[in-house]
Amino acid sequence: MHWQDRIVIDPDILVGKPVIRGSRLSVEFIVGLLASEWTEADIIANYLGVTHEDVLACSAYAETKLSH
């Protein structure tokens, strides 16, 4: 799985911040929840429509951007 399959950057959505496709949930927000000790299960339970693959894509996107 590539993060590009799940994450989109569109200037008309959240001022161009990367978001989970089909939502207004930013990668920054999801990564922030993980950093605040939310589990993947917590995120999925609290944000309907977010999947395991979405959480992985957010992590992969963040890792890619931090490694550059």
PDB file of N, CA and C in Angstrom:
ATOM      1  N   MET A   1       0.839  -1.180   0.000  1.00  0.00           N
ATOM      2  CA  MET A   1       0.000   0.000   0.000  1.00  0.00           C
ATOM      3  C   MET A   1       0.882   1.240   0.000  1.00  0.00           C
ATOM      4  N   HIS A   2       0.523   2.194  -0.802  1.00  0.00           N
ATOM      5  CA  HIS A   2       1.217   3.468  -0.866  1.00  0.00           C
ATOM      6  C   HIS A   2       0.346   4.531  -0.223  1.00  0.00           C
ATOM      7  N   TRP A   3       0.965   5.430   0.526  1.00  0.00           N
ATOM      8  CA  TRP A   3       0.169   6.468   1.175  1.00  0.00           C
ATOM      9  C   TRP A   3      -0.589   7.302   0.150  1.00  0.00           C
ATOM     10  N   GLN A   4      -0.062   7.398  -1.071  1.00  0.00           N
ATOM     11  CA  GLN A   4      -0.714   8.186  -2.111  1.00  0.00           C
ATOM     12  C   GLN A   4      -2.099   7.651  -2.477  1.00  0.00           C
ATOM     13  N   ASP A   5      -2.362   6.390  -2.164  1.00  0.00           N
ATOM     14  CA  ASP A   5      -3.680   5.808  -2.430  1.00  0.00           C
ATOM     15  C   ASP A   5      -4.732   6.307  -1.444  1.00  0.00           C
ATOM     16  N   ARG A   6      -4.298   6.796  -0.304  1.00  0.00           N
ATOM     17  CA  ARG A   6      -5.221   7.165   0.777  1.00  0.00           C
ATOM     18  C   ARG A   6      -5.184   8.643   1.157  1.00  0.00           C
ATOM     19  N   ILE A   7      -4.088   9.309   0.859  1.00  0.00           N
ATOM     20  CA  ILE A   7      -3.900  10.696   1.281  1.00  0.00           C
ATOM     21  C   ILE A   7      -3.966  11.605   0.064  1.00  0.00           C
ATOM     22  N   VAL A   8      -4.722  12.702   0.185  1.00  0.00           N
ATOM     23  CA  VAL A   8      -4.824  13.669  -0.910  1.00  0.00           C
ATOM     24  C   VAL A   8      -4.449  15.057  -0.414  1.00  0.00           C
ATOM     25  N   ILE A   9      -3.945  15.837  -1.347  1.00  0.00           N
ATOM     26  CA  ILE A   9      -3.629  17.242  -1.068  1.00  0.00           C
ATOM     27  C   ILE A   9      -4.380  18.057  -2.106  1.00  0.00           C
ATOM     28  N   ASP A  10      -5.363  18.807  -1.626  1.00  0.00           N
ATOM     29  CA  ASP A  10      -6.225  19.595  -2.509  1.00  0.00           C
ATOM     30  C   ASP A  10      -6.351  20.983  -1.897  1.00  0.00           C
ATOM     31  N   PRO A  11      -5.991  22.023  -2.640  1.00  0.00           N
ATOM     32  CA  PRO A  11      -6.051  23.373  -2.077  1.00  0.00           C
ATOM     33  C   PRO A  11      -7.455  23.789  -1.614  1.00  0.00           C
ATOM     34  N   ASP A  12      -8.477  23.102  -2.084  1.00  0.00           N
ATOM     35  CA  ASP A  12      -9.843  23.429  -1.679  1.00  0.00           C
ATOM     36  C   ASP A  12     -10.288  22.700  -0.405  1.00  0.00           C
ATOM     37  N   ILE A  13      -9.437  21.819   0.122  1.00  0.00           N
ATOM     38  CA  ILE A  13      -9.769  21.084   1.346  1.00  0.00           C
ATOM     39  C   ILE A  13      -8.726  21.418   2.408  1.00  0.00           C
ATOM     40  N   LEU A  14      -9.165  21.999   3.499  1.00  0.00           N
ATOM     41  CA  LEU A  14      -8.297  22.372   4.625  1.00  0.00           C
ATOM     42  C   LEU A  14      -7.059  23.146   4.170  1.00  0.00           C
ATOM     43  N   VAL A  15      -7.266  24.050   3.251  1.00  0.00           N
ATOM     44  CA  VAL A  15      -6.193  24.927   2.756  1.00  0.00           C
ATOM     45  C   VAL A  15      -4.999  24.132   2.221  1.00  0.00           C
ATOM     46  N   GLY A  16      -5.274  22.974   1.640  1.00  0.00           N
ATOM     47  CA  GLY A  16      -4.218  22.193   1.024  1.00  0.00           C
ATOM     48  C   GLY A  16      -3.439  21.279   1.944  1.00  0.00           C
ATOM     49  N   LYS A  17      -3.876  21.149   3.196  1.00  0.00           N
ATOM     50  CA  LYS A  17      -3.212  20.193   4.090  1.00  0.00           C
ATOM     51  C   LYS A  17      -3.507  18.777   3.606  1.00  0.00           C
ATOM     52  N   PRO A  18      -2.560  17.857   3.782  1.00  0.00           N
ATOM     53  CA  PRO A  18      -2.844  16.466   3.410  1.00  0.00           C
ATOM     54  C   PRO A  18      -3.933  15.885   4.301  1.00  0.00           C
ATOM     55  N   VAL A  19      -4.928  15.252   3.685  1.00  0.00           N
ATOM     56  CA  VAL A  19      -6.062  14.682   4.407  1.00  0.00           C
ATOM     57  C   VAL A  19      -6.315  13.256   3.940  1.00  0.00           C
ATOM     58  N   ILE A  20      -7.049  12.523   4.756  1.00  0.00           N
ATOM     59  CA  ILE A  20      -7.505  11.195   4.355  1.00  0.00           C
ATOM     60  C   ILE A  20      -8.537  11.382   3.248  1.00  0.00           C
ATOM     61  N   ARG A  21      -8.344  10.670   2.159  1.00  0.00           N
ATOM     62  CA  ARG A  21      -9.241  10.775   1.004  1.00  0.00           C
ATOM     63  C   ARG A  21     -10.701  10.643   1.444  1.00  0.00           C
ATOM     64  N   GLY A  22     -11.531  11.553   0.952  1.00  0.00           N
ATOM     65  CA  GLY A  22     -12.960  11.504   1.243  1.00  0.00           C
ATOM     66  C   GLY A  22     -13.337  12.073   2.595  1.00  0.00           C
ATOM     67  N   SER A  23     -12.376  12.704   3.274  1.00  0.00           N
ATOM     68  CA  SER A  23     -12.672  13.272   4.591  1.00  0.00           C
ATOM     69  C   SER A  23     -12.028  14.646   4.719  1.00  0.00           C
ATOM     70  N   ARG A  24     -12.239  15.250   5.858  1.00  0.00           N
ATOM     71  CA  ARG A  24     -11.559  16.493   6.201  1.00  0.00           C
ATOM     72  C   ARG A  24     -10.639  16.260   7.407  1.00  0.00           C
ATOM     73  N   LEU A  25     -10.250  15.009   7.603  1.00  0.00           N
ATOM     74  CA  LEU A  25      -9.335  14.670   8.692  1.00  0.00           C
ATOM     75  C   LEU A  25      -7.908  14.747   8.167  1.00  0.00           C
ATOM     76  N   SER A  26      -7.137  15.650   8.744  1.00  0.00           N
ATOM     77  CA  SER A  26      -5.776  15.837   8.254  1.00  0.00           C
ATOM     78  C   SER A  26      -4.834  14.773   8.796  1.00  0.00           C
ATOM     79  N   VAL A  27      -3.778  14.541   8.032  1.00  0.00           N
ATOM     80  CA  VAL A  27      -2.717  13.642   8.474  1.00  0.00           C
ATOM     81  C   VAL A  27      -2.151  14.160   9.794  1.00  0.00           C
ATOM     82  N   GLU A  28      -1.943  15.452   9.869  1.00  0.00           N
ATOM     83  CA  GLU A  28      -1.407  16.076  11.079  1.00  0.00           C
ATOM     84  C   GLU A  28      -2.271  15.746  12.297  1.00  0.00           C
ATOM     85  N   PHE A  29      -3.584  15.793  12.132  1.00  0.00           N
ATOM     86  CA  PHE A  29      -4.503  15.496  13.222  1.00  0.00           C
ATOM     87  C   PHE A  29      -4.380  14.045  13.675  1.00  0.00           C
ATOM     88  N   ILE A  30      -4.374  13.116  12.715  1.00  0.00           N
ATOM     89  CA  ILE A  30      -4.289  11.685  13.045  1.00  0.00           C
ATOM     90  C   ILE A  30      -2.952  11.365  13.702  1.00  0.00           C
ATOM     91  N   VAL A  31      -1.864  11.901  13.152  1.00  0.00           N
ATOM     92  CA  VAL A  31      -0.543  11.671  13.746  1.00  0.00           C
ATOM     93  C   VAL A  31      -0.492  12.284  15.149  1.00  0.00           C
ATOM     94  N   GLY A  32      -1.128  13.411  15.324  1.00  0.00           N
ATOM     95  CA  GLY A  32      -1.192  14.031  16.648  1.00  0.00           C
ATOM     96  C   GLY A  32      -1.923  13.159  17.657  1.00  0.00           C
ATOM     97  N   LEU A  33      -3.008  12.540  17.222  1.00  0.00           N
ATOM     98  CA  LEU A  33      -3.722  11.622  18.111  1.00  0.00           C
ATOM     99  C   LEU A  33      -2.827  10.454  18.511  1.00  0.00           C
ATOM    100  N   LEU A  34      -2.110   9.896  17.534  1.00  0.00           N
ATOM    101  CA  LEU A  34      -1.200   8.779  17.827  1.00  0.00           C
ATOM    102  C   LEU A  34      -0.103   9.227  18.795  1.00  0.00           C
ATOM    103  N   ALA A  35       0.397  10.436  18.615  1.00  0.00           N
ATOM    104  CA  ALA A  35       1.435  10.967  19.503  1.00  0.00           C
ATOM    105  C   ALA A  35       0.892  11.216  20.910  1.00  0.00           C
ATOM    106  N   SER A  36      -0.414  11.430  20.998  1.00  0.00           N
ATOM    107  CA  SER A  36      -1.069  11.652  22.295  1.00  0.00           C
ATOM    108  C   SER A  36      -1.533  10.348  22.927  1.00  0.00           C
ATOM    109  N   GLU A  37      -0.993   9.254  22.424  1.00  0.00           N
ATOM    110  CA  GLU A  37      -1.233   7.911  22.955  1.00  0.00           C
ATOM    111  C   GLU A  37      -2.619   7.348  22.650  1.00  0.00           C
ATOM    112  N   TRP A  38      -3.282   7.881  21.634  1.00  0.00           N
ATOM    113  CA  TRP A  38      -4.488   7.226  21.148  1.00  0.00           C
ATOM    114  C   TRP A  38      -4.037   5.991  20.388  1.00  0.00           C
ATOM    115  N   THR A  39      -4.784   4.925  20.518  1.00  0.00           N
ATOM    116  CA  THR A  39      -4.483   3.728  19.742  1.00  0.00           C
ATOM    117  C   THR A  39      -5.208   3.824  18.398  1.00  0.00           C
ATOM    118  N   GLU A  40      -4.786   2.981  17.480  1.00  0.00           N
ATOM    119  CA  GLU A  40      -5.488   2.910  16.203  1.00  0.00           C
ATOM    120  C   GLU A  40      -6.959   2.574  16.437  1.00  0.00           C
ATOM    121  N   ALA A  41      -7.218   1.665  17.359  1.00  0.00           N
ATOM    122  CA  ALA A  41      -8.603   1.281  17.670  1.00  0.00           C
ATOM    123  C   ALA A  41      -9.400   2.476  18.186  1.00  0.00           C
ATOM    124  N   ASP A  42      -8.788   3.325  19.011  1.00  0.00           N
ATOM    125  CA  ASP A  42      -9.458   4.532  19.508  1.00  0.00           C
ATOM    126  C   ASP A  42      -9.856   5.444  18.349  1.00  0.00           C
ATOM    127  N   ILE A  43      -8.917   5.640  17.425  1.00  0.00           N
ATOM    128  CA  ILE A  43      -9.180   6.530  16.286  1.00  0.00           C
ATOM    129  C   ILE A  43     -10.309   5.978  15.428  1.00  0.00           C
ATOM    130  N   ILE A  44     -10.232   4.699  15.109  1.00  0.00           N
ATOM    131  CA  ILE A  44     -11.259   4.072  14.265  1.00  0.00           C
ATOM    132  C   ILE A  44     -12.629   4.110  14.942  1.00  0.00           C
ATOM    133  N   ALA A  45     -12.659   3.914  16.248  1.00  0.00           N
ATOM    134  CA  ALA A  45     -13.932   3.928  16.976  1.00  0.00           C
ATOM    135  C   ALA A  45     -14.537   5.335  17.059  1.00  0.00           C
ATOM    136  N   ASN A  46     -13.692   6.351  17.104  1.00  0.00           N
ATOM    137  CA  ASN A  46     -14.175   7.716  17.291  1.00  0.00           C
ATOM    138  C   ASN A  46     -14.374   8.494  15.997  1.00  0.00           C
ATOM    139  N   TYR A  47     -13.791   8.033  14.921  1.00  0.00           N
ATOM    140  CA  TYR A  47     -13.901   8.723  13.638  1.00  0.00           C
ATOM    141  C   TYR A  47     -14.380   7.734  12.585  1.00  0.00           C
ATOM    142  N   LEU A  48     -15.698   7.671  12.457  1.00  0.00           N
ATOM    143  CA  LEU A  48     -16.324   6.726  11.534  1.00  0.00           C
ATOM    144  C   LEU A  48     -15.799   6.936  10.121  1.00  0.00           C
ATOM    145  N   GLY A  49     -15.533   5.854   9.466  1.00  0.00           N
ATOM    146  CA  GLY A  49     -15.019   5.917   8.113  1.00  0.00           C
ATOM    147  C   GLY A  49     -13.509   5.799   8.029  1.00  0.00           C
ATOM    148  N   VAL A  50     -12.808   6.058   9.138  1.00  0.00           N
ATOM    149  CA  VAL A  50     -11.352   5.900   9.144  1.00  0.00           C
ATOM    150  C   VAL A  50     -11.042   4.417   9.297  1.00  0.00           C
ATOM    151  N   THR A  51     -10.132   3.935   8.468  1.00  0.00           N
ATOM    152  CA  THR A  51      -9.786   2.519   8.457  1.00  0.00           C
ATOM    153  C   THR A  51      -8.344   2.297   8.906  1.00  0.00           C
ATOM    154  N   HIS A  52      -8.024   1.048   9.119  1.00  0.00           N
ATOM    155  CA  HIS A  52      -6.655   0.650   9.438  1.00  0.00           C
ATOM    156  C   HIS A  52      -5.696   1.177   8.373  1.00  0.00           C
ATOM    157  N   GLU A  53      -6.068   1.025   7.114  1.00  0.00           N
ATOM    158  CA  GLU A  53      -5.237   1.466   6.002  1.00  0.00           C
ATOM    159  C   GLU A  53      -5.044   2.978   6.025  1.00  0.00           C
ATOM    160  N   ASP A  54      -6.076   3.719   6.427  1.00  0.00           N
ATOM    161  CA  ASP A  54      -5.957   5.180   6.528  1.00  0.00           C
ATOM    162  C   ASP A  54      -4.925   5.569   7.584  1.00  0.00           C
ATOM    163  N   VAL A  55      -4.978   4.918   8.724  1.00  0.00           N
ATOM    164  CA  VAL A  55      -4.029   5.219   9.806  1.00  0.00           C
ATOM    165  C   VAL A  55      -2.611   4.874   9.354  1.00  0.00           C
ATOM    166  N   LEU A  56      -2.443   3.743   8.695  1.00  0.00           N
ATOM    167  CA  LEU A  56      -1.125   3.374   8.174  1.00  0.00           C
ATOM    168  C   LEU A  56      -0.637   4.397   7.153  1.00  0.00           C
ATOM    169  N   ALA A  57      -1.524   4.859   6.295  1.00  0.00           N
ATOM    170  CA  ALA A  57      -1.151   5.845   5.280  1.00  0.00           C
ATOM    171  C   ALA A  57      -0.721   7.157   5.931  1.00  0.00           C
ATOM    172  N   CYS A  58      -1.408   7.576   6.974  1.00  0.00           N
ATOM    173  CA  CYS A  58      -1.022   8.803   7.689  1.00  0.00           C
ATOM    174  C   CYS A  58       0.370   8.641   8.286  1.00  0.00           C
ATOM    175  N   SER A  59       0.629   7.507   8.887  1.00  0.00           N
ATOM    176  CA  SER A  59       1.954   7.247   9.466  1.00  0.00           C
ATOM    177  C   SER A  59       3.022   7.215   8.385  1.00  0.00           C
ATOM    178  N   ALA A  60       2.727   6.575   7.275  1.00  0.00           N
ATOM    179  CA  ALA A  60       3.693   6.487   6.174  1.00  0.00           C
ATOM    180  C   ALA A  60       3.966   7.867   5.580  1.00  0.00           C
ATOM    181  N   TYR A  61       2.922   8.665   5.431  1.00  0.00           N
ATOM    182  CA  TYR A  61       3.096  10.026   4.907  1.00  0.00           C
ATOM    183  C   TYR A  61       4.001  10.820   5.834  1.00  0.00           C
ATOM    184  N   ALA A  62       3.709  10.775   7.126  1.00  0.00           N
ATOM    185  CA  ALA A  62       4.518  11.517   8.101  1.00  0.00           C
ATOM    186  C   ALA A  62       5.969  11.042   8.089  1.00  0.00           C
ATOM    187  N   GLU A  63       6.162   9.742   8.018  1.00  0.00           N
ATOM    188  CA  GLU A  63       7.521   9.197   7.987  1.00  0.00           C
ATOM    189  C   GLU A  63       8.267   9.684   6.742  1.00  0.00           C
ATOM    190  N   THR A  64       7.589   9.674   5.609  1.00  0.00           N
ATOM    191  CA  THR A  64       8.206  10.119   4.361  1.00  0.00           C
ATOM    192  C   THR A  64       8.619  11.582   4.466  1.00  0.00           C
ATOM    193  N   LYS A  65       7.758  12.408   5.016  1.00  0.00           N
ATOM    194  CA  LYS A  65       8.046  13.845   5.095  1.00  0.00           C
ATOM    195  C   LYS A  65       9.116  14.143   6.140  1.00  0.00           C
ATOM    196  N   LEU A  66       9.174  13.380   7.207  1.00  0.00           N
ATOM    197  CA  LEU A  66      10.183  13.610   8.235  1.00  0.00           C
ATOM    198  C   LEU A  66      11.566  13.125   7.808  1.00  0.00           C
ATOM    199  N   SER A  67      11.607  12.172   6.900  1.00  0.00           N
ATOM    200  CA  SER A  67      12.902  11.609   6.495  1.00  0.00           C
ATOM    201  C   SER A  67      13.582  12.463   5.419  1.00  0.00           C
ATOM    202  N   HIS A  68      12.896  13.482   4.915  1.00  0.00           N
ATOM    203  CA  HIS A  68      13.495  14.332   3.877  1.00  0.00           C
ATOM    204  C   HIS A  68      14.056  15.583   4.442  1.00  0.00           C
TER     205      HIS A  68
END
